[in-house]
Amino acid sequence: MNENNNAELVFLPLGGCGEIGMNLNAYGYGPEEDRRWILIDVGVTFGGEDTPGIDLITPDPSFFEDKGDLIDAIFLTHAHEDHIGAIGLLLPRLQTRAPIYATPFTAHLAQAKLIERGLKQVSINVIPLEGEVEAGPFKVRYITLTHSIPEPNALSLETPLGTILHTGDWKIDPDPQLGETTDIEGLTALGDKGVVAMVCDSTNVFVEGESGSEGVVRENLIKLIGSLTGRIAVTTFASNVARVASVIEAARLAGRSVCLVGRSMHKVTDAAVATGVIETLPDLIDEEAAGSLPDDNLLFLCTGSQGEARAALGRISRDDHRHISLGDGDTVIFSSRVIPGNEKGIFEMQNALAEKGVRIITDRMTEGPIHVSGHPARDELRRMYSWVRPKIAVPVHGERRHIVEHAAYAKSLQVGQAVTPRNGDMIRLAPGDAKIIDTVPNGRLYLDGNRLVPAESEGLKERRGLSQWGYVSVSVAIDEDGDVVDGPLIAARGLSETDGRSADESLIDVDEAAEEALNGLKKRKRLDDEDVERALVRAVKRQCERTFGRKPIVDVSVLRV
């Protein structure tokens, strides 16, 4: 790798700096006019109540849509949805033939994402743990870490202007149950050689101490499950294969057969077996046969810990599952945390289960933890900085408050410089001090049906308005002389009854306001559709605000006869 005197080493986040999730990171090397790029992770975040009809949200990659031939490779650090979930959605937009690299477990799940989106011709290049790849001016090496999913990796990016460590998601777990422990020796050796910048996970920067170990969780699950009677359902994140294995082991020791419930649970365990993360699974019982077992000999391992309506536990809570039901004397264990924003769905599901007489056990109720985070708390961050000793700290994977606090914490650990990136900030890491040198187009794309649309698209704005304010349609027929032949006819959706009147009766005032607006227009004005529409929209909105306290979306249809 020959150094170019005009070359710069830059970092560009397009997702993950301002939110926890939706990660898309880019590193560039070279002069501005001939810069080569690699991308790290292509993830999603999920829709919520403020995005009706939207399940998946991706970063906007438009900056790279005319630079496909400048992308030398795409690297995936691990298999969580916020790191690989958009690979099949965004790859066609990038218009690149750059190779995609991932370790075996991640590659298995990412390949399925590509196939799901019709990209069967694209193959993931499987790289071994601790493997190395040269991609243009970058020499990339995978470094083993621990997290809440198999095969989490940091990436060492060696360039002529120095080395960057991109941590991905991580924690320091001395007993992860599956896979290797953190490669402390490799990280320390990297620090000894010199690291220009560490681009690092900020998720738990406000949490003192350490995140905790999966080994401790296994011990506590064994104790808890062994103490219970009746049917047991355990819900956890399907991607946490170590946790899944711990639940299966706890069930075995308690004399219980395990039934996996939920598509993701089967998909991830199948991937773990196929790639050797788990050598074999014990004999599992299928859903149809589960009903034949005594209650004290059965454990359901379910998806749905975040209250997802279509996941297994959500359907069970509504008596909407074909084969499985829970009731009085049964127990549901939440071996998971409440992700902010999911509280409403989780608590509604727990209440529905409680109504059936099901006992709910969460992490807050047990003497020892039955869930631990997959992200580093402050003591773990301190240890990572002591090993790597970067000149520059670049916090990512967090909301603004996480990133600002992480930068301050890094400086307290004697890191010389810390930057606080936002999505779209192009940061020069070398030569010289770190500096934001440009801001590029960035944002979010929403998966609406099978199409990616901008967050500000008119259809989504209208949908939000419909869900919040309601909808009124007004139709009127006007002849060539400007006389009203029929109407105005009013129909409404999403507006409540008022003062004991039915919905139709509540619209009488709106009917009268629309008719008055039409009568108030001179005939020549009624010959112009825009004048008619403007008058009716104004009158209907005003009356709806008086009657219902809302200004709905108003749609006017003018028929000329």
Protein backbone atom coordinates (compact mmCIF):
# COMPACT_ATOMS: atom_id res chain seq x y z
CA MET A 1 0.00 0.00 0.00
CA ASN A 2 1.73 3.13 -1.28
CA GLU A 3 1.06 6.41 0.51
CA ASN A 4 -0.37 9.27 -1.56
CA ASN A 5 0.71 12.73 -0.37
CA ASN A 6 -2.80 14.08 -0.97
CA ALA A 7 -4.51 11.12 0.63
CA GLU A 8 -6.91 11.39 3.56
CA LEU A 9 -8.37 8.69 5.80
CA VAL A 10 -12.03 9.48 6.49
CA PHE A 11 -14.91 7.98 8.45
CA LEU A 12 -18.52 8.49 7.35
CA PRO A 13 -21.47 7.15 9.37
CA LEU A 14 -24.80 7.07 7.52
CA GLY A 15 -26.67 5.26 10.28
CA GLY A 16 -26.12 4.51 13.96
CA CYS A 17 -25.03 7.99 15.08
CA GLY A 18 -28.20 9.42 16.52
CA GLU A 19 -29.99 6.13 17.13
CA ILE A 20 -29.22 2.67 18.49
CA GLY A 21 -29.64 0.59 15.38
CA MET A 22 -29.68 1.10 11.59
CA ASN A 23 -25.90 0.90 11.35
CA LEU A 24 -24.14 1.84 8.13
CA ASN A 25 -20.50 2.95 8.32
CA ALA A 26 -18.05 3.86 5.58
CA TYR A 27 -14.30 4.39 5.56
CA GLY A 28 -12.55 6.15 2.71
CA TYR A 29 -8.91 6.46 1.73
CA GLY A 30 -7.28 8.61 -0.92
CA PRO A 31 -7.58 12.13 -2.33
CA GLU A 32 -11.14 13.44 -2.53
CA GLU A 33 -11.34 13.07 -6.30
CA ASP A 34 -10.21 9.42 -6.25
CA ARG A 35 -11.23 8.09 -2.85
CA ARG A 36 -11.71 4.34 -2.37
CA TRP A 37 -14.29 3.08 0.12
CA ILE A 38 -15.24 0.13 2.25
CA LEU A 39 -18.60 -0.23 4.00
CA ILE A 40 -19.10 -1.86 7.40
CA ASP A 41 -22.55 -3.21 8.28
CA VAL A 42 -25.84 -2.48 6.52
CA GLY A 43 -28.57 -2.57 9.16
CA VAL A 44 -32.18 -1.68 9.84
CA THR A 45 -34.24 -0.24 12.63
CA PHE A 46 -37.91 -0.94 13.18
CA GLY A 47 -41.06 1.09 12.72
CA GLY A 48 -43.22 2.21 15.62
CA GLU A 49 -46.49 3.96 16.37
CA ASP A 50 -45.23 7.10 14.61
CA THR A 51 -44.70 5.16 11.36
CA PRO A 52 -48.04 3.42 10.66
CA GLY A 53 -47.73 0.54 8.19
CA ILE A 54 -43.91 0.59 8.30
CA ASP A 55 -42.02 -2.38 9.76
CA LEU A 56 -38.46 -1.72 8.57
CA ILE A 57 -36.42 1.47 8.24
CA THR A 58 -32.99 1.68 6.58
CA PRO A 59 -30.30 4.35 6.26
CA ASP A 60 -30.38 6.42 3.09
CA PRO A 61 -27.32 5.39 1.02
CA SER A 62 -27.81 7.99 -1.73
CA PHE A 63 -24.27 9.35 -1.24
CA PHE A 64 -22.93 6.06 -2.60
CA GLU A 65 -25.49 5.43 -5.34
CA ASP A 66 -23.17 6.84 -8.03
CA LYS A 67 -19.99 5.51 -6.40
CA GLY A 68 -20.55 1.77 -6.72
CA ASP A 69 -17.29 1.27 -8.62
CA LEU A 70 -15.38 3.04 -5.81
CA ILE A 71 -16.53 0.58 -3.12
CA ASP A 72 -13.87 -2.10 -2.67
CA ALA A 73 -15.71 -4.31 -0.16
CA ILE A 74 -18.56 -4.61 2.33
CA PHE A 75 -17.78 -6.13 5.73
CA LEU A 76 -20.32 -7.43 8.25
CA THR A 77 -19.28 -7.52 11.91
CA HIS A 78 -22.06 -9.77 13.24
CA ALA A 79 -25.58 -10.97 12.48
CA HIS A 80 -27.92 -8.70 14.43
CA GLU A 81 -30.66 -7.11 12.33
CA ASP A 82 -29.37 -3.61 12.99
CA HIS A 83 -26.12 -4.66 11.28
CA ILE A 84 -27.24 -6.96 8.42
CA GLY A 85 -30.99 -6.43 8.06
CA ALA A 86 -30.77 -3.98 5.13
CA ILE A 87 -28.18 -5.82 3.04
CA GLY A 88 -30.77 -7.21 0.61
CA LEU A 89 -32.70 -3.94 0.47
CA LEU A 90 -29.82 -1.52 -0.13
CA LEU A 91 -27.41 -3.56 -2.24
CA PRO A 92 -29.33 -2.89 -5.49
CA ARG A 93 -29.25 0.85 -4.77
CA LEU A 94 -25.49 0.82 -4.26
CA GLN A 95 -25.01 -0.66 -7.74
CA THR A 96 -21.77 -2.27 -6.70
CA ARG A 97 -20.19 -5.61 -7.36
CA ALA A 98 -17.95 -5.24 -4.32
CA PRO A 99 -17.43 -8.51 -2.44
CA ILE A 100 -19.26 -8.97 0.87
CA TYR A 101 -17.37 -10.60 3.75
CA ALA A 102 -18.63 -12.18 6.97
CA THR A 103 -17.72 -14.99 9.36
CA PRO A 104 -19.68 -18.27 8.93
CA PHE A 105 -22.68 -17.70 11.23
CA THR A 106 -23.21 -14.12 10.02
CA ALA A 107 -22.73 -15.17 6.41
CA HIS A 108 -25.38 -17.88 6.76
CA LEU A 109 -28.03 -15.42 7.98
CA ALA A 110 -26.97 -12.60 5.64
CA GLN A 111 -27.14 -14.92 2.64
CA ALA A 112 -30.75 -15.70 3.57
CA LYS A 113 -31.46 -11.94 3.57
CA LEU A 114 -30.16 -11.67 0.02
CA ILE A 115 -32.20 -14.65 -1.17
CA GLU A 116 -35.31 -13.25 0.51
CA ARG A 117 -34.93 -10.09 -1.60
CA GLY A 118 -34.38 -11.96 -4.86
CA LEU A 119 -30.57 -11.59 -4.95
CA LYS A 120 -29.76 -15.28 -5.30
CA GLN A 121 -26.85 -14.47 -7.61
CA VAL A 122 -24.97 -12.57 -4.86
CA SER A 123 -22.82 -14.73 -2.60
CA ILE A 124 -21.36 -13.81 0.77
CA ASN A 125 -17.63 -14.52 1.05
CA VAL A 126 -17.13 -16.56 4.21
CA ILE A 127 -14.05 -15.47 6.14
CA PRO A 128 -12.72 -17.48 9.10
CA LEU A 129 -12.52 -16.04 12.59
CA GLU A 130 -9.39 -13.87 12.88
CA GLY A 131 -9.25 -13.83 9.05
CA GLU A 132 -7.67 -11.07 6.93
CA VAL A 133 -8.72 -9.45 3.65
CA GLU A 134 -7.11 -6.80 1.47
CA ALA A 135 -9.67 -4.44 -0.03
CA GLY A 136 -8.11 -1.65 -2.09
CA PRO A 137 -5.97 0.46 0.28
CA PHE A 138 -7.41 -1.30 3.36
CA LYS A 139 -6.01 -4.38 5.06
CA VAL A 140 -8.88 -5.66 7.20
CA ARG A 141 -8.51 -8.16 10.03
CA TYR A 142 -11.31 -9.70 12.06
CA ILE A 143 -10.74 -9.67 15.85
CA THR A 144 -12.82 -11.90 18.12
CA LEU A 145 -14.96 -10.19 20.75
CA THR A 146 -17.96 -11.24 22.85
CA HIS A 147 -21.53 -9.99 22.49
CA SER A 148 -25.08 -11.39 22.64
CA ILE A 149 -24.81 -13.31 19.37
CA PRO A 150 -22.28 -15.80 17.98
CA GLU A 151 -19.14 -14.58 16.21
CA PRO A 152 -19.07 -10.86 17.04
CA ASN A 153 -16.04 -9.16 15.57
CA ALA A 154 -14.11 -5.94 15.72
CA LEU A 155 -12.32 -4.93 12.52
CA SER A 156 -8.76 -3.67 12.37
CA LEU A 157 -8.40 -1.40 9.32
CA GLU A 158 -4.76 -0.91 8.36
CA THR A 159 -4.00 1.87 5.87
CA PRO A 160 -0.91 3.85 4.81
CA LEU A 161 -2.10 6.63 7.16
CA GLY A 162 -2.50 4.39 10.18
CA THR A 163 -4.78 1.81 11.74
CA ILE A 164 -8.40 2.18 12.80
CA LEU A 165 -10.23 -0.18 15.16
CA HIS A 166 -13.93 -0.48 14.43
CA THR A 167 -15.36 -2.36 17.42
CA GLY A 168 -18.84 -3.24 16.22
CA ASP A 169 -21.04 -4.36 19.13
CA TRP A 170 -19.20 -5.92 22.04
CA LYS A 171 -18.84 -6.56 25.75
CA ILE A 172 -16.22 -8.35 27.85
CA ASP A 173 -17.70 -11.69 28.90
CA PRO A 174 -15.25 -14.03 30.65
CA ASP A 175 -17.70 -16.94 30.28
CA PRO A 176 -19.77 -16.46 27.12
CA GLN A 177 -20.97 -20.11 27.00
CA LEU A 178 -20.50 -20.31 23.23
CA GLY A 179 -17.50 -19.24 21.20
CA GLU A 180 -14.20 -17.70 22.20
CA THR A 181 -13.59 -15.01 24.81
CA THR A 182 -12.40 -11.51 23.89
CA ASP A 183 -9.02 -11.50 22.11
CA ILE A 184 -7.33 -9.28 24.71
CA GLU A 185 -3.87 -10.23 23.42
CA GLY A 186 -4.75 -9.19 19.88
CA LEU A 187 -6.26 -5.90 21.00
CA THR A 188 -3.24 -5.10 23.17
CA ALA A 189 -0.87 -5.94 20.32
CA LEU A 190 -2.84 -3.61 18.09
CA GLY A 191 -2.48 -0.85 20.68
CA ASP A 192 1.27 -1.50 20.93
CA LYS A 193 1.63 -0.87 17.18
CA GLY A 194 -0.40 2.32 17.41
CA VAL A 195 -4.06 3.03 16.66
CA VAL A 196 -5.13 6.31 15.07
CA ALA A 197 -8.77 6.03 16.08
CA MET A 198 -11.19 3.65 17.76
CA VAL A 199 -14.77 3.78 16.49
CA CYS A 200 -16.64 2.31 19.43
CA ASP A 201 -20.03 1.13 20.75
CA SER A 202 -21.71 3.71 23.03
CA THR A 203 -24.90 1.86 24.03
CA ASN A 204 -24.24 1.42 27.76
CA VAL A 205 -22.01 4.41 28.43
CA PHE A 206 -24.38 5.54 31.21
CA VAL A 207 -24.16 2.17 32.99
CA GLU A 208 -21.57 1.86 35.76
CA GLY A 209 -19.62 -1.35 36.31
CA GLU A 210 -19.81 -4.30 33.92
CA SER A 211 -22.56 -5.77 31.77
CA GLY A 212 -22.45 -9.25 33.30
CA SER A 213 -21.78 -12.75 32.02
CA GLU A 214 -23.87 -15.36 30.21
CA GLY A 215 -22.30 -17.92 32.54
CA VAL A 216 -24.01 -16.33 35.53
CA VAL A 217 -27.30 -16.14 33.61
CA ARG A 218 -27.11 -19.88 32.88
CA GLU A 219 -26.64 -20.70 36.57
CA ASN A 220 -29.63 -18.56 37.55
CA LEU A 221 -31.87 -19.97 34.84
CA ILE A 222 -31.03 -23.50 35.98
CA LYS A 223 -32.04 -22.61 39.55
CA LEU A 224 -35.21 -20.77 38.53
CA ILE A 225 -36.54 -23.30 36.01
CA GLY A 226 -35.77 -26.15 38.39
CA SER A 227 -37.92 -24.53 41.09
CA LEU A 228 -41.12 -24.12 39.05
CA THR A 229 -44.12 -26.33 38.41
CA GLY A 230 -46.66 -26.26 35.60
CA ARG A 231 -45.96 -25.26 32.05
CA ILE A 232 -43.06 -22.84 31.54
CA ALA A 233 -42.51 -20.48 28.62
CA VAL A 234 -39.21 -18.62 28.35
CA THR A 235 -38.93 -15.71 25.96
CA THR A 236 -35.61 -14.25 24.89
CA PHE A 237 -33.93 -12.80 21.81
CA ALA A 238 -33.62 -15.66 19.31
CA SER A 239 -30.25 -14.35 18.12
CA ASN A 240 -28.72 -14.93 21.57
CA VAL A 241 -27.79 -18.53 20.86
CA ALA A 242 -25.85 -18.84 24.13
CA ARG A 243 -29.01 -17.90 26.04
CA VAL A 244 -31.07 -20.33 24.00
CA ALA A 245 -28.55 -23.06 24.79
CA SER A 246 -28.70 -22.14 28.50
CA VAL A 247 -32.49 -22.44 28.56
CA ILE A 248 -32.32 -25.81 26.82
CA GLU A 249 -29.75 -27.03 29.37
CA ALA A 250 -31.84 -25.74 32.28
CA ALA A 251 -34.87 -27.56 30.89
CA ARG A 252 -32.90 -30.79 30.51
CA LEU A 253 -31.73 -30.66 34.12
CA ALA A 254 -35.33 -30.03 35.24
CA GLY A 255 -36.63 -33.00 33.28
CA ARG A 256 -38.44 -30.87 30.71
CA SER A 257 -38.65 -31.30 26.95
CA VAL A 258 -38.17 -28.14 24.90
CA CYS A 259 -40.48 -26.89 22.17
CA LEU A 260 -39.15 -24.03 20.02
CA VAL A 261 -41.95 -21.60 19.13
CA GLY A 262 -41.51 -18.86 16.54
CA ARG A 263 -39.93 -18.68 13.10
CA SER A 264 -36.86 -16.72 14.22
CA MET A 265 -36.13 -19.27 16.95
CA HIS A 266 -35.98 -22.06 14.38
CA LYS A 267 -34.08 -19.98 11.81
CA VAL A 268 -31.31 -18.94 14.19
CA THR A 269 -30.86 -22.35 15.84
CA ASP A 270 -30.72 -23.95 12.39
CA ALA A 271 -27.98 -21.48 11.41
CA ALA A 272 -26.08 -22.21 14.63
CA VAL A 273 -26.11 -25.96 13.94
CA ALA A 274 -25.28 -25.52 10.24
CA THR A 275 -22.21 -23.40 10.98
CA GLY A 276 -20.96 -25.41 13.97
CA VAL A 277 -21.74 -22.81 16.64
CA ILE A 278 -23.77 -25.57 18.31
CA GLU A 279 -22.63 -29.11 17.53
CA THR A 280 -26.03 -30.72 18.08
CA LEU A 281 -29.36 -29.87 19.61
CA PRO A 282 -31.12 -32.27 21.95
CA ASP A 283 -34.31 -33.91 20.72
CA LEU A 284 -36.89 -31.14 20.58
CA ILE A 285 -40.63 -31.64 20.62
CA ASP A 286 -42.80 -30.02 17.96
CA GLU A 287 -45.77 -27.81 18.73
CA GLU A 288 -48.43 -30.36 17.82
CA ALA A 289 -46.95 -33.03 20.08
CA ALA A 290 -46.37 -30.68 23.02
CA GLY A 291 -49.93 -31.04 24.24
CA SER A 292 -49.43 -34.73 24.97
CA LEU A 293 -46.74 -34.09 27.62
CA PRO A 294 -47.44 -33.52 31.33
CA ASP A 295 -47.25 -29.83 32.26
CA ASP A 296 -44.25 -30.36 34.54
CA ASN A 297 -42.25 -31.94 31.70
CA LEU A 298 -42.59 -29.18 29.12
CA LEU A 299 -40.87 -25.85 28.38
CA PHE A 300 -41.70 -23.52 25.48
CA LEU A 301 -38.85 -21.36 24.18
CA CYS A 302 -40.60 -18.46 22.45
CA THR A 303 -39.98 -15.40 20.35
CA GLY A 304 -41.82 -12.21 21.27
CA SER A 305 -39.96 -10.78 24.26
CA GLN A 306 -40.59 -7.24 22.97
CA GLY A 307 -44.36 -7.59 22.76
CA GLU A 308 -44.41 -8.06 18.98
CA ALA A 309 -48.01 -8.84 18.07
CA ARG A 310 -47.14 -11.41 15.41
CA ALA A 311 -44.43 -13.19 17.40
CA ALA A 312 -45.11 -16.45 19.21
CA LEU A 313 -45.71 -15.18 22.75
CA GLY A 314 -47.95 -12.35 21.54
CA ARG A 315 -50.17 -14.83 19.74
CA ILE A 316 -50.23 -17.13 22.78
CA SER A 317 -51.26 -14.22 25.02
CA ARG A 318 -54.27 -13.55 22.73
CA ASP A 319 -55.25 -17.24 22.43
CA ASP A 320 -54.35 -16.88 18.78
CA HIS A 321 -51.83 -19.73 18.52
CA ARG A 322 -52.90 -22.92 16.75
CA HIS A 323 -51.28 -25.37 19.13
CA ILE A 324 -50.18 -23.66 22.35
CA SER A 325 -52.08 -22.10 25.23
CA LEU A 326 -51.09 -21.00 28.73
CA GLY A 327 -53.26 -20.55 31.78
CA ASP A 328 -53.61 -20.77 35.52
CA GLY A 329 -50.53 -22.26 37.19
CA ASP A 330 -48.21 -21.66 34.22
CA THR A 331 -45.20 -19.32 34.20
CA VAL A 332 -43.64 -17.04 31.59
CA ILE A 333 -40.00 -16.02 32.16
CA PHE A 334 -38.72 -12.90 30.38
CA SER A 335 -34.98 -13.51 29.92
CA SER A 336 -34.69 -10.17 28.15
CA ARG A 337 -34.80 -6.43 28.71
CA VAL A 338 -37.43 -3.89 27.74
CA ILE A 339 -36.08 -2.02 24.72
CA PRO A 340 -37.13 1.66 24.98
CA GLY A 341 -40.19 2.26 22.82
CA ASN A 342 -41.54 -1.26 23.29
CA GLU A 343 -42.99 -0.77 26.76
CA LYS A 344 -46.62 -0.50 25.66
CA GLY A 345 -46.62 -3.75 23.66
CA ILE A 346 -44.74 -5.68 26.32
CA PHE A 347 -46.94 -4.56 29.20
CA GLU A 348 -50.14 -5.20 27.24
CA MET A 349 -48.93 -8.74 26.51
CA GLN A 350 -47.95 -9.32 30.13
CA ASN A 351 -51.34 -8.06 31.30
CA ALA A 352 -53.11 -10.41 28.88
CA LEU A 353 -51.10 -13.33 30.25
CA ALA A 354 -51.79 -12.28 33.83
CA GLU A 355 -55.53 -12.23 33.07
CA LYS A 356 -55.24 -15.93 32.26
CA GLY A 357 -53.62 -16.64 35.61
CA VAL A 358 -50.10 -16.92 34.17
CA ARG A 359 -47.28 -15.89 36.51
CA ILE A 360 -44.84 -13.36 34.99
CA ILE A 361 -41.17 -13.41 36.03
CA THR A 362 -38.79 -10.69 34.82
CA ASP A 363 -35.14 -9.94 35.48
CA ARG A 364 -36.07 -7.42 38.19
CA MET A 365 -37.74 -10.12 40.29
CA THR A 366 -34.92 -12.66 40.58
CA GLU A 367 -32.11 -12.78 43.11
CA GLY A 368 -29.49 -13.16 40.36
CA PRO A 369 -29.67 -11.89 36.77
CA ILE A 370 -31.59 -13.91 34.18
CA HIS A 371 -30.59 -11.39 31.51
CA VAL A 372 -27.42 -9.41 30.83
CA SER A 373 -26.71 -6.80 28.19
CA GLY A 374 -24.53 -7.43 25.17
CA HIS A 375 -22.95 -3.98 25.28
CA PRO A 376 -20.06 -2.58 27.36
CA ALA A 377 -20.67 -0.69 30.59
CA ARG A 378 -18.16 1.92 31.73
CA ASP A 379 -15.64 -0.44 33.32
CA GLU A 380 -15.51 -2.45 30.10
CA LEU A 381 -15.05 0.69 28.03
CA ARG A 382 -12.19 1.68 30.33
CA ARG A 383 -10.49 -1.66 29.80
CA MET A 384 -10.89 -1.49 26.02
CA TYR A 385 -9.33 1.99 25.92
CA SER A 386 -6.44 0.76 28.10
CA TRP A 387 -5.71 -2.04 25.61
CA VAL A 388 -6.12 -0.14 22.34
CA ARG A 389 -4.87 3.34 23.42
CA PRO A 390 -6.23 5.22 20.38
CA LYS A 391 -5.23 8.79 19.61
CA ILE A 392 -8.84 9.62 18.68
CA ALA A 393 -12.09 8.32 20.15
CA VAL A 394 -15.07 8.16 17.77
CA PRO A 395 -18.24 7.11 19.64
CA VAL A 396 -20.99 5.50 17.53
CA HIS A 397 -23.98 3.18 18.06
CA GLY A 398 -25.97 5.55 20.24
CA GLU A 399 -28.35 8.44 20.51
CA ARG A 400 -26.87 11.92 20.77
CA ARG A 401 -26.72 11.73 24.57
CA HIS A 402 -24.77 8.46 24.43
CA ILE A 403 -22.27 9.77 21.90
CA VAL A 404 -21.59 13.03 23.78
CA GLU A 405 -21.15 11.23 27.11
CA HIS A 406 -18.89 8.59 25.54
CA ALA A 407 -16.65 11.30 24.09
CA ALA A 408 -16.35 12.96 27.49
CA TYR A 409 -15.60 9.61 29.17
CA ALA A 410 -12.91 8.79 26.60
CA LYS A 411 -11.18 12.10 27.25
CA SER A 412 -11.26 11.39 30.98
CA LEU A 413 -9.35 8.19 30.13
CA GLN A 414 -6.58 10.31 28.60
CA VAL A 415 -7.56 9.86 24.95
CA GLY A 416 -6.08 12.88 23.19
CA GLN A 417 -9.04 13.78 21.02
CA ALA A 418 -12.71 12.76 20.83
CA VAL A 419 -15.25 13.63 18.15
CA THR A 420 -19.04 13.36 18.35
CA PRO A 421 -20.30 12.35 14.90
CA ARG A 422 -23.76 12.71 13.48
CA ASN A 423 -25.06 10.68 10.56
CA GLY A 424 -23.70 12.26 7.39
CA ASP A 425 -20.60 13.81 8.99
CA MET A 426 -17.48 13.02 7.00
CA ILE A 427 -14.64 13.01 9.52
CA ARG A 428 -11.00 13.19 8.49
CA LEU A 429 -9.07 10.92 10.87
CA ALA A 430 -5.65 11.37 9.25
CA PRO A 431 -3.42 13.15 8.54
CA GLY A 432 -3.56 15.61 11.41
CA ASP A 433 -6.27 16.08 14.00
CA ALA A 434 -9.74 14.66 13.51
CA LYS A 435 -12.03 17.14 11.81
CA ILE A 436 -15.47 17.17 10.19
CA ILE A 437 -14.68 18.14 6.59
CA ASP A 438 -18.07 17.66 4.95
CA THR A 439 -21.69 16.72 5.57
CA VAL A 440 -23.22 14.42 2.97
CA PRO A 441 -26.87 13.58 2.18
CA ASN A 442 -28.30 11.22 4.79
CA GLY A 443 -31.59 10.20 6.30
CA ARG A 444 -33.97 7.28 6.42
CA LEU A 445 -35.80 5.13 3.92
CA TYR A 446 -39.01 3.33 4.91
CA LEU A 447 -39.97 -0.08 3.56
CA ASP A 448 -43.55 0.60 2.48
CA GLY A 449 -44.89 -2.71 1.21
CA ASN A 450 -42.10 -3.85 -1.08
CA ARG A 451 -40.72 -0.38 -1.90
CA LEU A 452 -38.22 1.85 -0.14
CA VAL A 453 -39.54 5.40 0.07
CA PRO A 454 -38.09 8.57 1.68
CA ALA A 455 -39.20 9.36 5.21
CA GLU A 456 -40.77 12.60 3.98
CA SER A 457 -42.83 10.99 1.18
CA GLU A 458 -46.35 12.33 0.76
CA GLY A 459 -47.94 8.92 1.21
CA LEU A 460 -46.37 8.46 4.63
CA LYS A 461 -47.27 11.99 5.69
CA GLU A 462 -50.89 11.34 4.73
CA ARG A 463 -50.90 8.01 6.56
CA ARG A 464 -49.64 9.66 9.73
CA GLY A 465 -52.30 12.34 9.33
CA LEU A 466 -55.01 9.72 8.81
CA SER A 467 -53.99 7.86 11.95
CA GLN A 468 -53.85 11.03 14.02
CA TRP A 469 -56.58 13.29 12.65
CA GLY A 470 -59.02 11.15 10.64
CA TYR A 471 -60.33 11.51 7.09
CA VAL A 472 -63.29 13.22 5.44
CA SER A 473 -64.29 12.91 1.79
CA VAL A 474 -66.55 15.44 0.11
CA SER A 475 -68.10 14.84 -3.30
CA VAL A 476 -70.17 17.28 -5.32
CA ALA A 477 -71.64 17.33 -8.83
CA ILE A 478 -71.76 20.72 -10.65
CA ASP A 479 -73.15 21.40 -14.12
CA GLU A 480 -71.69 23.59 -16.86
CA ASP A 481 -73.62 26.60 -15.59
CA GLY A 482 -72.14 26.35 -12.10
CA ASP A 483 -75.28 24.97 -10.49
CA VAL A 484 -74.95 22.25 -7.85
CA VAL A 485 -76.67 19.15 -9.21
CA ASP A 486 -75.91 16.83 -6.29
CA GLY A 487 -74.16 17.07 -2.96
CA PRO A 488 -72.08 17.93 -1.20
CA LEU A 489 -71.99 14.37 0.13
CA ILE A 490 -69.87 13.80 3.23
CA ALA A 491 -68.20 10.55 4.38
CA ALA A 492 -65.80 10.31 7.30
CA ARG A 493 -63.42 7.81 8.87
CA GLY A 494 -61.71 7.99 12.26
CA LEU A 495 -63.93 10.70 13.80
CA SER A 496 -65.75 9.89 17.03
CA GLU A 497 -69.41 10.39 17.95
CA THR A 498 -70.19 13.58 19.87
CA ASP A 499 -72.65 14.47 22.65
CA GLY A 500 -74.46 11.13 22.50
CA ARG A 501 -75.11 11.45 18.76
CA SER A 502 -74.20 8.69 16.30
CA ALA A 503 -71.31 9.14 13.90
CA ASP A 504 -73.71 10.02 11.04
CA GLU A 505 -75.62 12.49 13.20
CA SER A 506 -72.35 14.10 14.26
CA LEU A 507 -71.65 14.94 10.60
CA ILE A 508 -74.82 17.02 10.15
CA ASP A 509 -73.00 20.21 11.12
CA VAL A 510 -70.22 19.38 8.68
CA ASP A 511 -72.79 18.78 5.90
CA GLU A 512 -74.34 22.17 6.57
CA ALA A 513 -70.94 23.91 6.63
CA ALA A 514 -70.00 22.38 3.27
CA GLU A 515 -73.34 23.34 1.73
CA GLU A 516 -73.02 26.87 3.05
CA ALA A 517 -69.51 27.14 1.59
CA LEU A 518 -70.75 26.05 -1.83
CA ASN A 519 -73.72 28.42 -1.75
CA GLY A 520 -71.36 31.22 -0.82
CA LEU A 521 -69.36 30.75 -4.03
CA LYS A 522 -70.41 32.72 -7.09
CA LYS A 523 -71.35 30.55 -10.05
CA ARG A 524 -68.24 31.49 -12.01
CA LYS A 525 -66.14 30.36 -9.05
CA ARG A 526 -67.96 27.02 -9.01
CA LEU A 527 -66.67 26.45 -12.56
CA ASP A 528 -63.11 26.26 -11.25
CA ASP A 529 -62.29 22.96 -9.48
CA GLU A 530 -59.53 24.56 -7.42
CA ASP A 531 -61.86 27.26 -6.08
CA VAL A 532 -64.47 24.64 -5.16
CA GLU A 533 -61.90 22.42 -3.48
CA ARG A 534 -60.33 25.30 -1.55
CA ALA A 535 -63.69 26.50 -0.22
CA LEU A 536 -64.87 23.02 0.81
CA VAL A 537 -61.59 22.02 2.47
CA ARG A 538 -61.50 25.24 4.49
CA ALA A 539 -65.12 24.95 5.60
CA VAL A 540 -64.99 21.24 6.44
CA LYS A 541 -61.75 21.51 8.41
CA ARG A 542 -63.06 24.48 10.38
CA GLN A 543 -66.34 22.76 11.24
CA CYS A 544 -64.63 19.47 12.12
CA GLU A 545 -62.38 21.32 14.53
CA ARG A 546 -65.48 22.84 16.19
CA THR A 547 -67.41 19.58 16.28
CA PHE A 548 -64.70 16.97 16.86
CA GLY A 549 -61.71 18.98 18.04
CA ARG A 550 -59.70 17.75 15.03
CA LYS A 551 -58.66 18.97 11.59
CA PRO A 552 -58.87 15.83 9.44
CA ILE A 553 -57.41 15.20 6.02
CA VAL A 554 -60.11 16.38 3.59
CA ASP A 555 -60.40 14.96 0.09
CA VAL A 556 -62.72 16.74 -2.37
CA SER A 557 -64.06 15.19 -5.59
CA VAL A 558 -65.77 17.48 -8.11
CA LEU A 559 -67.85 15.80 -10.83
CA ARG A 560 -68.71 17.92 -13.89
CA VAL A 561 -72.09 17.10 -15.48
